[in-house]
């Protein structure tokens, strides 16, 4: 029998934003199934939201590669000023090719 903490149960529609290698970097972690089956994404930042889009095969610029670990977490790290926190995916503005996360929809810690 394995000892230790049980695996963290994370809803599919939550995005975690934390500090990366320095204050100018952000690390995004999620277990969202949106990121399954695709390695490269276009990440667009606006004043009030961040959008993740699946990158078309012919796109060569401004794409980020998702890193997936054995526990099912998907991670991005890049230069950004996104507010640190936990956010919920807006299902009304999202579809199968893109997800939208509004900064105002931050979850309480």
C-alpha atoms as a PDB file:
ATOM      1  CA  UNK A   1       0.000   0.000   0.000  1.00  0.00           C
ATOM      2  CA  UNK A   2       1.328   3.411  -0.976  1.00  0.00           C
ATOM      3  CA  UNK A   3       1.618   6.010   1.734  1.00  0.00           C
ATOM      4  CA  UNK A   4       1.437   9.758   1.434  1.00  0.00           C
ATOM      5  CA  UNK A   5      -1.116  12.237   0.309  1.00  0.00           C
ATOM      6  CA  UNK A   6      -3.869  11.192  -2.079  1.00  0.00           C
ATOM      7  CA  UNK A   7      -3.723  12.733  -5.555  1.00  0.00           C
ATOM      8  CA  UNK A   8      -5.082  16.253  -5.789  1.00  0.00           C
ATOM      9  CA  UNK A   9      -8.590  16.289  -7.252  1.00  0.00           C
ATOM     10  CA  UNK A  10      -8.715  19.239  -9.628  1.00  0.00           C
ATOM     11  CA  UNK A  11     -11.779  20.305 -11.622  1.00  0.00           C
ATOM     12  CA  UNK A  12     -11.357  20.212 -15.402  1.00  0.00           C
ATOM     13  CA  UNK A  13     -12.089  23.907 -15.795  1.00  0.00           C
ATOM     14  CA  UNK A  14      -9.456  25.423 -13.456  1.00  0.00           C
ATOM     15  CA  UNK A  15      -6.245  27.208 -14.521  1.00  0.00           C
ATOM     16  CA  UNK A  16      -3.495  27.841 -11.951  1.00  0.00           C
ATOM     17  CA  UNK A  17      -1.153  30.807 -12.522  1.00  0.00           C
ATOM     18  CA  UNK A  18       2.011  31.071 -10.399  1.00  0.00           C
ATOM     19  CA  UNK A  19       5.328  32.881 -10.570  1.00  0.00           C
ATOM     20  CA  UNK A  20       7.830  31.289 -12.903  1.00  0.00           C
ATOM     21  CA  UNK A  21      11.621  31.605 -12.906  1.00  0.00           C
ATOM     22  CA  UNK A  22      11.385  35.269 -11.984  1.00  0.00           C
ATOM     23  CA  UNK A  23       8.900  38.083 -11.558  1.00  0.00           C
ATOM     24  CA  UNK A  24       8.617  38.524 -15.321  1.00  0.00           C
ATOM     25  CA  UNK A  25       7.634  34.874 -15.881  1.00  0.00           C
ATOM     26  CA  UNK A  26       4.398  33.057 -15.190  1.00  0.00           C
ATOM     27  CA  UNK A  27       3.786  29.344 -15.007  1.00  0.00           C
ATOM     28  CA  UNK A  28       0.362  28.026 -15.934  1.00  0.00           C
ATOM     29  CA  UNK A  29      -0.736  24.594 -14.720  1.00  0.00           C
ATOM     30  CA  UNK A  30      -3.981  22.807 -15.488  1.00  0.00           C
ATOM     31  CA  UNK A  31      -5.551  19.394 -15.858  1.00  0.00           C
ATOM     32  CA  UNK A  32      -8.060  20.651 -18.423  1.00  0.00           C
ATOM     33  CA  UNK A  33      -8.888  18.088 -21.097  1.00  0.00           C
ATOM     34  CA  UNK A  34      -8.894  20.947 -23.624  1.00  0.00           C
ATOM     35  CA  UNK A  35      -5.104  20.523 -23.865  1.00  0.00           C
ATOM     36  CA  UNK A  36      -5.298  16.789 -24.703  1.00  0.00           C
ATOM     37  CA  UNK A  37      -4.315  15.796 -28.222  1.00  0.00           C
ATOM     38  CA  UNK A  38      -2.481  19.009 -29.084  1.00  0.00           C
ATOM     39  CA  UNK A  39       1.052  20.143 -28.232  1.00  0.00           C
ATOM     40  CA  UNK A  40       1.159  23.730 -29.475  1.00  0.00           C
ATOM     41  CA  UNK A  41      -1.067  26.629 -28.490  1.00  0.00           C
ATOM     42  CA  UNK A  42      -1.474  30.318 -29.194  1.00  0.00           C
ATOM     43  CA  UNK A  43      -1.801  32.256 -25.941  1.00  0.00           C
ATOM     44  CA  UNK A  44      -3.314  35.742 -26.175  1.00  0.00           C
ATOM     45  CA  UNK A  45      -3.325  38.113 -23.216  1.00  0.00           C
ATOM     46  CA  UNK A  46      -5.744  41.007 -22.858  1.00  0.00           C
ATOM     47  CA  UNK A  47      -6.453  43.424 -20.011  1.00  0.00           C
ATOM     48  CA  UNK A  48      -9.199  41.251 -18.536  1.00  0.00           C
ATOM     49  CA  UNK A  49      -8.628  37.767 -19.955  1.00  0.00           C
ATOM     50  CA  UNK A  50      -6.275  35.182 -21.391  1.00  0.00           C
ATOM     51  CA  UNK A  51      -7.201  32.993 -24.353  1.00  0.00           C
ATOM     52  CA  UNK A  52      -5.699  29.616 -25.260  1.00  0.00           C
ATOM     53  CA  UNK A  53      -6.180  28.478 -28.863  1.00  0.00           C
ATOM     54  CA  UNK A  54      -5.073  25.265 -30.516  1.00  0.00           C
ATOM     55  CA  UNK A  55      -2.386  26.241 -33.003  1.00  0.00           C
ATOM     56  CA  UNK A  56      -3.079  25.284 -36.632  1.00  0.00           C
ATOM     57  CA  UNK A  57      -0.422  23.043 -38.182  1.00  0.00           C
ATOM     58  CA  UNK A  58       0.835  25.821 -40.472  1.00  0.00           C
ATOM     59  CA  UNK A  59       1.398  28.299 -37.592  1.00  0.00           C
ATOM     60  CA  UNK A  60       5.084  28.884 -36.878  1.00  0.00           C
ATOM     61  CA  UNK A  61       5.070  32.100 -34.831  1.00  0.00           C
ATOM     62  CA  UNK A  62       3.858  33.054 -31.390  1.00  0.00           C
ATOM     63  CA  UNK A  63       3.087  29.529 -30.283  1.00  0.00           C
ATOM     64  CA  UNK A  64       3.810  27.887 -26.939  1.00  0.00           C
ATOM     65  CA  UNK A  65       4.490  24.208 -26.405  1.00  0.00           C
ATOM     66  CA  UNK A  66       2.550  22.491 -23.643  1.00  0.00           C
ATOM     67  CA  UNK A  67       4.534  20.189 -21.378  1.00  0.00           C
ATOM     68  CA  UNK A  68       2.502  17.290 -19.973  1.00  0.00           C
ATOM     69  CA  UNK A  69       3.683  15.207 -17.024  1.00  0.00           C
ATOM     70  CA  UNK A  70       2.791  11.657 -15.972  1.00  0.00           C
ATOM     71  CA  UNK A  71       0.164  12.865 -13.494  1.00  0.00           C
ATOM     72  CA  UNK A  72      -1.834  14.562 -16.283  1.00  0.00           C
ATOM     73  CA  UNK A  73      -0.811  18.155 -15.534  1.00  0.00           C
ATOM     74  CA  UNK A  74      -0.187  20.483 -18.487  1.00  0.00           C
ATOM     75  CA  UNK A  75       2.321  23.295 -17.963  1.00  0.00           C
ATOM     76  CA  UNK A  76       3.345  26.458 -19.820  1.00  0.00           C
ATOM     77  CA  UNK A  77       6.015  28.923 -18.743  1.00  0.00           C
ATOM     78  CA  UNK A  78       6.511  32.255 -20.480  1.00  0.00           C
ATOM     79  CA  UNK A  79       7.050  35.982 -19.956  1.00  0.00           C
ATOM     80  CA  UNK A  80       3.819  37.573 -18.769  1.00  0.00           C
ATOM     81  CA  UNK A  81       2.164  39.865 -16.245  1.00  0.00           C
ATOM     82  CA  UNK A  82      -0.938  37.694 -15.741  1.00  0.00           C
ATOM     83  CA  UNK A  83      -2.146  38.054 -12.130  1.00  0.00           C
ATOM     84  CA  UNK A  84      -1.138  35.081  -9.977  1.00  0.00           C
ATOM     85  CA  UNK A  85      -4.114  32.994  -8.819  1.00  0.00           C
ATOM     86  CA  UNK A  86      -6.598  30.237  -9.626  1.00  0.00           C
ATOM     87  CA  UNK A  87      -9.119  30.898 -12.385  1.00  0.00           C
ATOM     88  CA  UNK A  88     -12.156  29.221 -13.898  1.00  0.00           C
ATOM     89  CA  UNK A  89     -12.580  28.714 -17.644  1.00  0.00           C
ATOM     90  CA  UNK A  90     -15.511  30.727 -18.996  1.00  0.00           C
ATOM     91  CA  UNK A  91     -17.598  28.048 -20.682  1.00  0.00           C
ATOM     92  CA  UNK A  92     -19.879  30.584 -22.418  1.00  0.00           C
ATOM     93  CA  UNK A  93     -17.021  32.197 -24.388  1.00  0.00           C
ATOM     94  CA  UNK A  94     -15.029  28.981 -24.911  1.00  0.00           C
ATOM     95  CA  UNK A  95     -15.450  26.301 -27.556  1.00  0.00           C
ATOM     96  CA  UNK A  96     -13.616  23.176 -28.749  1.00  0.00           C
ATOM     97  CA  UNK A  97     -10.751  25.184 -30.323  1.00  0.00           C
ATOM     98  CA  UNK A  98     -10.212  27.857 -27.678  1.00  0.00           C
ATOM     99  CA  UNK A  99     -10.778  28.519 -24.007  1.00  0.00           C
ATOM    100  CA  UNK A 100     -11.162  31.910 -22.354  1.00  0.00           C
ATOM    101  CA  UNK A 101     -10.212  32.704 -18.766  1.00  0.00           C
ATOM    102  CA  UNK A 102     -11.289  36.036 -17.251  1.00  0.00           C
ATOM    103  CA  UNK A 103      -9.106  37.417 -14.469  1.00  0.00           C
ATOM    104  CA  UNK A 104     -12.162  38.598 -12.506  1.00  0.00           C
ATOM    105  CA  UNK A 105     -13.274  34.966 -12.109  1.00  0.00           C
ATOM    106  CA  UNK A 106     -10.524  34.132  -9.629  1.00  0.00           C
ATOM    107  CA  UNK A 107     -11.246  31.358  -7.137  1.00  0.00           C
ATOM    108  CA  UNK A 108     -10.834  31.920  -3.426  1.00  0.00           C
ATOM    109  CA  UNK A 109      -7.801  30.184  -1.952  1.00  0.00           C
END
